[in-house]
C-alpha atoms as a PDB file:
ATOM      1  CA  MET A   1    -102.314   5.616  82.418  1.00  0.00           C
ATOM      2  CA  SER A   2     -98.578   5.090  83.076  1.00  0.00           C
ATOM      3  CA  ALA A   3     -95.649   4.977  80.658  1.00  0.00           C
ATOM      4  CA  THR A   4     -91.895   4.686  81.059  1.00  0.00           C
ATOM      5  CA  ILE A   5     -89.812   7.165  79.115  1.00  0.00           C
ATOM      6  CA  THR A   6     -86.053   7.124  79.492  1.00  0.00           C
ATOM      7  CA  GLY A   7     -83.775  10.109  79.362  1.00  0.00           C
ATOM      8  CA  VAL A   8     -80.512  11.585  80.545  1.00  0.00           C
ATOM      9  CA  VAL A   9     -79.477  14.450  82.788  1.00  0.00           C
ATOM     10  CA  THR A  10     -77.711  17.295  80.991  1.00  0.00           C
ATOM     11  CA  ASN A  11     -76.461  20.255  83.024  1.00  0.00           C
ATOM     12  CA  GLY A  12     -78.751  19.188  85.867  1.00  0.00           C
ATOM     13  CA  VAL A  13     -81.875  19.046  83.674  1.00  0.00           C
ATOM     14  CA  VAL A  14     -83.707  15.826  82.763  1.00  0.00           C
ATOM     15  CA  VAL A  15     -83.872  15.481  78.981  1.00  0.00           C
ATOM     16  CA  PRO A  16     -86.397  12.795  77.952  1.00  0.00           C
ATOM     17  CA  SER A  17     -85.632  10.535  74.997  1.00  0.00           C
ATOM     18  CA  SER A  18     -89.043  11.344  73.493  1.00  0.00           C
ATOM     19  CA  PRO A  19     -91.429  14.300  73.863  1.00  0.00           C
ATOM     20  CA  LEU A  20     -93.677  14.394  76.917  1.00  0.00           C
ATOM     21  CA  PRO A  21     -97.337  15.408  76.667  1.00  0.00           C
ATOM     22  CA  GLU A  22     -97.995  18.981  77.792  1.00  0.00           C
ATOM     23  CA  GLY A  23     -99.108  19.099  81.419  1.00  0.00           C
ATOM     24  CA  ALA A  24     -98.061  15.492  82.143  1.00  0.00           C
ATOM     25  CA  LYS A  25     -97.179  14.604  85.727  1.00  0.00           C
ATOM     26  CA  VAL A  26     -93.808  12.880  85.978  1.00  0.00           C
ATOM     27  CA  GLU A  27     -91.869  10.942  88.560  1.00  0.00           C
ATOM     28  CA  VAL A  28     -88.083  10.739  88.277  1.00  0.00           C
ATOM     29  CA  SER A  29     -86.175   7.633  89.377  1.00  0.00           C
ATOM     30  CA  LEU A  30     -82.401   7.325  89.185  1.00  0.00           C
ATOM     31  CA  VAL A  31     -80.974   4.193  87.611  1.00  0.00           C
ATOM     32  CA  THR A  32     -78.026   3.349  89.851  1.00  0.00           C
ATOM     33  CA  GLU A  33     -76.092   1.214  87.385  1.00  0.00           C
ATOM     34  CA  HIS A  34     -75.150   4.400  85.519  1.00  0.00           C
ATOM     35  CA  ALA A  35     -74.322   6.368  88.655  1.00  0.00           C
ATOM     36  CA  PRO A  36     -70.633   7.068  89.394  1.00  0.00           C
ATOM     37  CA  SER A  37     -68.987   4.455  91.586  1.00  0.00           C
ATOM     38  CA  ARG A  38     -67.811   5.372  95.066  1.00  0.00           C
ATOM     39  CA  ARG A  39     -64.110   6.141  95.266  1.00  0.00           C
ATOM     40  CA  ILE A  40     -62.113   4.471  98.022  1.00  0.00           C
ATOM     41  CA  ALA A  41     -58.524   4.716  99.155  1.00  0.00           C
ATOM     42  CA  MET A  42     -56.102   2.031  97.993  1.00  0.00           C
ATOM     43  CA  ALA A  43     -55.649   0.858 101.590  1.00  0.00           C
ATOM     44  CA  GLU A  44     -59.409   0.327 101.860  1.00  0.00           C
ATOM     45  CA  LEU A  45     -59.421  -1.567  98.560  1.00  0.00           C
ATOM     46  CA  LEU A  46     -56.655  -3.862  99.779  1.00  0.00           C
ATOM     47  CA  LYS A  47     -58.716  -4.722 102.858  1.00  0.00           C
ATOM     48  CA  THR A  48     -61.502  -5.989 100.592  1.00  0.00           C
ATOM     49  CA  LEU A  49     -59.252  -8.479  98.764  1.00  0.00           C
ATOM     50  CA  PRO A  50     -59.506 -12.128  99.755  1.00  0.00           C
ATOM     51  CA  PRO A  51     -56.669 -13.587 101.778  1.00  0.00           C
ATOM     52  CA  GLY A  52     -53.988 -15.149  99.667  1.00  0.00           C
ATOM     53  CA  PRO A  53     -50.309 -15.275  98.935  1.00  0.00           C
ATOM     54  CA  ARG A  54     -48.694 -11.871  98.855  1.00  0.00           C
ATOM     55  CA  ALA A  55     -45.126 -10.921  98.110  1.00  0.00           C
ATOM     56  CA  PHE A  56     -44.834  -9.000 101.409  1.00  0.00           C
ATOM     57  CA  ASP A  57     -46.606  -9.465 104.722  1.00  0.00           C
ATOM     58  CA  THR A  58     -46.597  -5.788 105.663  1.00  0.00           C
ATOM     59  CA  TRP A  59     -46.465  -2.406 103.971  1.00  0.00           C
ATOM     60  CA  GLU A  60     -43.176  -1.711 105.774  1.00  0.00           C
ATOM     61  CA  GLU A  61     -41.572  -4.808 104.218  1.00  0.00           C
ATOM     62  CA  TYR A  62     -42.709  -3.637 100.796  1.00  0.00           C
ATOM     63  CA  GLU A  63     -41.309  -0.129 101.326  1.00  0.00           C
ATOM     64  CA  HIS A  64     -38.010  -1.626 102.517  1.00  0.00           C
ATOM     65  CA  HIS A  65     -37.847  -3.709  99.341  1.00  0.00           C
ATOM     66  CA  LEU A  66     -38.532  -0.617  97.217  1.00  0.00           C
ATOM     67  CA  ARG A  67     -35.751   1.338  98.962  1.00  0.00           C
ATOM     68  CA  GLU A  68     -33.295  -1.506  98.385  1.00  0.00           C
ATOM     69  CA  GLU A  69     -34.336  -1.751  94.747  1.00  0.00           C
ATOM     70  CA  LYS A  70     -33.943   2.013  94.240  1.00  0.00           C
ATOM     71  CA  ASP A  71     -30.564   2.013  95.990  1.00  0.00           C
ATOM     72  CA  SER A  72     -29.349  -0.691  93.609  1.00  0.00           C
ATOM     73  CA  TRP A  73     -30.095   1.613  90.657  1.00  0.00           C
ATOM     74  CA  ASP A  74     -27.800   4.268  92.074  1.00  0.00           C
ATOM     75  CA  ARG A  75     -24.785   1.942  92.158  1.00  0.00           C
END
C-alpha cells in the first residue's frame, strides 16, 4: 500500500503533517516549487531581458549620465 503524506523540513529534520505508522518505510521527494530560487548577478539578469528600447546603449553611458547628474547636485 502507498500513501502520500506531506510535511516540512525543520532544522534539517522532516516533520510529517500527520503521524506515520511505526516501522513504515518512507521515501522523501523534494517539491521544487518551494525550494529557494537561484541567485544571479544583476548583469546576468540583464542579459536575460528581451531586446528593447533602453535609455542607454552601454553601462559606460549610464555611468557617465550618473556622474553628470551627481555633479549637477553639487552646483
